[in-house]
Amino acid sequence: MKFSVNVAIQMLALVAQAINATQDLLPGRGKFWAMVVLSVVQGLTAVLAHFANPDGTPAAAPYIKQ
């Protein structure tokens, strides 16, 4: 996963988390499940990014900054 894709997903999920926490768009139970789903998305994105270099190559390959 490229660094820019990781940042974009994380920032969109962060904004969604903030909206979920501050706005009454969903009922209480809906807010909880939205928080859970967004947290899972952020966690999976972080795990995928952990195993990749910033250019998207696997982390096992040496990263050569260009």
N, C-alpha and C. Protein backbone atom coordinates (compact mmCIF):
# COMPACT_ATOMS: atom_id res chain seq x y z
N MET A 1 0.84 -1.17 0.00
CA MET A 1 0.00 0.00 0.00
C MET A 1 0.89 1.24 0.00
N LYS A 2 0.65 2.11 -0.95
CA LYS A 2 1.44 3.33 -1.02
C LYS A 2 1.13 4.23 0.18
N PHE A 3 2.11 5.01 0.55
CA PHE A 3 1.97 5.92 1.69
C PHE A 3 0.82 6.90 1.47
N SER A 4 0.70 7.42 0.26
CA SER A 4 -0.35 8.40 -0.02
C SER A 4 -1.75 7.79 0.12
N VAL A 5 -1.90 6.53 -0.27
CA VAL A 5 -3.19 5.84 -0.12
C VAL A 5 -3.49 5.64 1.36
N ASN A 6 -2.48 5.24 2.12
CA ASN A 6 -2.64 5.05 3.56
C ASN A 6 -3.08 6.36 4.22
N VAL A 7 -2.41 7.45 3.90
CA VAL A 7 -2.75 8.74 4.50
C VAL A 7 -4.17 9.15 4.12
N ALA A 8 -4.54 8.97 2.86
CA ALA A 8 -5.89 9.35 2.42
C ALA A 8 -6.96 8.56 3.16
N ILE A 9 -6.80 7.25 3.27
CA ILE A 9 -7.79 6.43 3.98
C ILE A 9 -7.85 6.81 5.44
N GLN A 10 -6.71 6.98 6.08
CA GLN A 10 -6.69 7.31 7.50
C GLN A 10 -7.31 8.68 7.76
N MET A 11 -7.06 9.66 6.90
CA MET A 11 -7.62 10.99 7.10
C MET A 11 -9.13 10.99 6.89
N LEU A 12 -9.61 10.29 5.87
CA LEU A 12 -11.06 10.20 5.65
C LEU A 12 -11.75 9.51 6.81
N ALA A 13 -11.14 8.45 7.31
CA ALA A 13 -11.73 7.74 8.45
C ALA A 13 -11.68 8.62 9.71
N LEU A 14 -10.64 9.40 9.88
CA LEU A 14 -10.54 10.31 11.02
C LEU A 14 -11.65 11.36 10.98
N VAL A 15 -11.88 11.92 9.81
CA VAL A 15 -12.96 12.90 9.66
C VAL A 15 -14.31 12.24 9.94
N ALA A 16 -14.50 11.02 9.42
CA ALA A 16 -15.75 10.31 9.67
C ALA A 16 -15.92 10.02 11.16
N GLN A 17 -14.85 9.66 11.85
CA GLN A 17 -14.91 9.43 13.30
C GLN A 17 -15.31 10.71 14.02
N ALA A 18 -14.73 11.84 13.62
CA ALA A 18 -15.04 13.11 14.26
C ALA A 18 -16.51 13.50 14.02
N ILE A 19 -16.98 13.31 12.81
CA ILE A 19 -18.39 13.61 12.51
C ILE A 19 -19.30 12.70 13.31
N ASN A 20 -18.95 11.44 13.38
CA ASN A 20 -19.74 10.47 14.14
C ASN A 20 -19.81 10.86 15.63
N ALA A 21 -18.71 11.37 16.16
CA ALA A 21 -18.66 11.72 17.59
C ALA A 21 -19.38 13.03 17.91
N THR A 22 -19.40 13.95 16.95
CA THR A 22 -19.93 15.28 17.27
C THR A 22 -21.33 15.56 16.72
N GLN A 23 -21.76 14.82 15.72
CA GLN A 23 -23.06 15.08 15.11
C GLN A 23 -24.05 13.98 15.47
N ASP A 24 -25.31 14.33 15.51
CA ASP A 24 -26.35 13.35 15.82
C ASP A 24 -27.01 12.84 14.53
N LEU A 25 -26.20 12.29 13.65
CA LEU A 25 -26.72 11.76 12.39
C LEU A 25 -27.27 10.34 12.57
N LEU A 26 -26.76 9.63 13.56
CA LEU A 26 -27.18 8.26 13.82
C LEU A 26 -27.67 8.14 15.25
N PRO A 27 -28.55 7.16 15.50
CA PRO A 27 -28.94 6.91 16.89
C PRO A 27 -27.75 6.29 17.65
N GLY A 28 -27.88 6.17 18.96
CA GLY A 28 -26.78 5.68 19.80
C GLY A 28 -26.17 4.37 19.33
N ARG A 29 -27.02 3.39 19.05
CA ARG A 29 -26.52 2.09 18.61
C ARG A 29 -25.83 2.20 17.25
N GLY A 30 -26.37 3.04 16.36
CA GLY A 30 -25.75 3.26 15.05
C GLY A 30 -24.39 3.93 15.17
N LYS A 31 -24.29 4.89 16.10
CA LYS A 31 -23.01 5.56 16.32
C LYS A 31 -21.95 4.57 16.79
N PHE A 32 -22.37 3.66 17.68
CA PHE A 32 -21.44 2.66 18.18
C PHE A 32 -20.92 1.78 17.04
N TRP A 33 -21.83 1.28 16.21
CA TRP A 33 -21.41 0.38 15.13
C TRP A 33 -20.63 1.12 14.04
N ALA A 34 -20.94 2.38 13.82
CA ALA A 34 -20.15 3.18 12.89
C ALA A 34 -18.73 3.33 13.41
N MET A 35 -18.61 3.57 14.72
CA MET A 35 -17.28 3.69 15.33
C MET A 35 -16.51 2.37 15.20
N VAL A 36 -17.19 1.26 15.42
CA VAL A 36 -16.54 -0.04 15.32
C VAL A 36 -16.06 -0.29 13.89
N VAL A 37 -16.92 -0.04 12.91
CA VAL A 37 -16.55 -0.28 11.52
C VAL A 37 -15.40 0.63 11.09
N LEU A 38 -15.47 1.91 11.45
CA LEU A 38 -14.39 2.82 11.09
C LEU A 38 -13.08 2.44 11.77
N SER A 39 -13.14 1.98 13.00
CA SER A 39 -11.94 1.55 13.71
C SER A 39 -11.33 0.32 13.05
N VAL A 40 -12.16 -0.59 12.61
CA VAL A 40 -11.67 -1.79 11.92
C VAL A 40 -11.01 -1.40 10.61
N VAL A 41 -11.63 -0.50 9.87
CA VAL A 41 -11.04 -0.03 8.61
C VAL A 41 -9.69 0.62 8.86
N GLN A 42 -9.60 1.46 9.87
CA GLN A 42 -8.33 2.11 10.18
C GLN A 42 -7.29 1.09 10.64
N GLY A 43 -7.70 0.13 11.42
CA GLY A 43 -6.76 -0.89 11.88
C GLY A 43 -6.24 -1.75 10.75
N LEU A 44 -7.13 -2.19 9.87
CA LEU A 44 -6.70 -3.01 8.73
C LEU A 44 -5.79 -2.22 7.79
N THR A 45 -6.11 -0.96 7.59
CA THR A 45 -5.27 -0.11 6.76
C THR A 45 -3.87 0.03 7.36
N ALA A 46 -3.81 0.21 8.66
CA ALA A 46 -2.51 0.34 9.34
C ALA A 46 -1.71 -0.95 9.24
N VAL A 47 -2.38 -2.09 9.39
CA VAL A 47 -1.68 -3.37 9.29
C VAL A 47 -1.14 -3.57 7.87
N LEU A 48 -1.96 -3.29 6.87
CA LEU A 48 -1.49 -3.42 5.49
C LEU A 48 -0.33 -2.48 5.20
N ALA A 49 -0.40 -1.26 5.70
CA ALA A 49 0.68 -0.30 5.49
C ALA A 49 1.95 -0.72 6.22
N HIS A 50 1.79 -1.41 7.34
CA HIS A 50 2.95 -1.85 8.11
C HIS A 50 3.83 -2.81 7.31
N PHE A 51 3.21 -3.59 6.45
CA PHE A 51 3.94 -4.60 5.69
C PHE A 51 4.31 -4.12 4.29
N ALA A 52 4.33 -2.81 4.08
CA ALA A 52 4.68 -2.25 2.78
C ALA A 52 5.61 -1.06 2.96
N ASN A 53 6.47 -0.88 1.97
CA ASN A 53 7.32 0.31 1.93
C ASN A 53 6.47 1.50 1.46
N PRO A 54 6.95 2.72 1.66
CA PRO A 54 6.16 3.89 1.25
C PRO A 54 5.81 3.92 -0.24
N ASP A 55 6.60 3.24 -1.08
CA ASP A 55 6.30 3.23 -2.52
C ASP A 55 5.37 2.09 -2.91
N GLY A 56 4.93 1.28 -1.94
CA GLY A 56 3.98 0.21 -2.22
C GLY A 56 4.61 -1.16 -2.39
N THR A 57 5.93 -1.24 -2.43
CA THR A 57 6.58 -2.54 -2.55
C THR A 57 6.51 -3.25 -1.20
N PRO A 58 6.60 -4.59 -1.18
CA PRO A 58 6.56 -5.31 0.09
C PRO A 58 7.70 -4.88 1.02
N ALA A 59 7.45 -4.92 2.31
CA ALA A 59 8.45 -4.47 3.29
C ALA A 59 9.68 -5.37 3.29
N ALA A 60 9.55 -6.59 2.80
CA ALA A 60 10.70 -7.48 2.74
C ALA A 60 11.73 -7.00 1.72
N ALA A 61 11.28 -6.25 0.73
CA ALA A 61 12.20 -5.71 -0.27
C ALA A 61 12.85 -4.45 0.28
N PRO A 62 14.12 -4.22 -0.04
CA PRO A 62 14.76 -2.99 0.43
C PRO A 62 14.11 -1.76 -0.20
N TYR A 63 13.92 -0.74 0.62
CA TYR A 63 13.31 0.50 0.13
C TYR A 63 14.41 1.44 -0.33
N ILE A 64 14.33 1.86 -1.57
CA ILE A 64 15.30 2.80 -2.13
C ILE A 64 14.57 4.10 -2.39
N LYS A 65 14.89 5.12 -1.60
CA LYS A 65 14.23 6.42 -1.74
C LYS A 65 14.65 7.06 -3.04
N GLN A 66 13.66 7.57 -3.78
CA GLN A 66 13.99 8.13 -5.10
C GLN A 66 13.87 9.61 -5.12
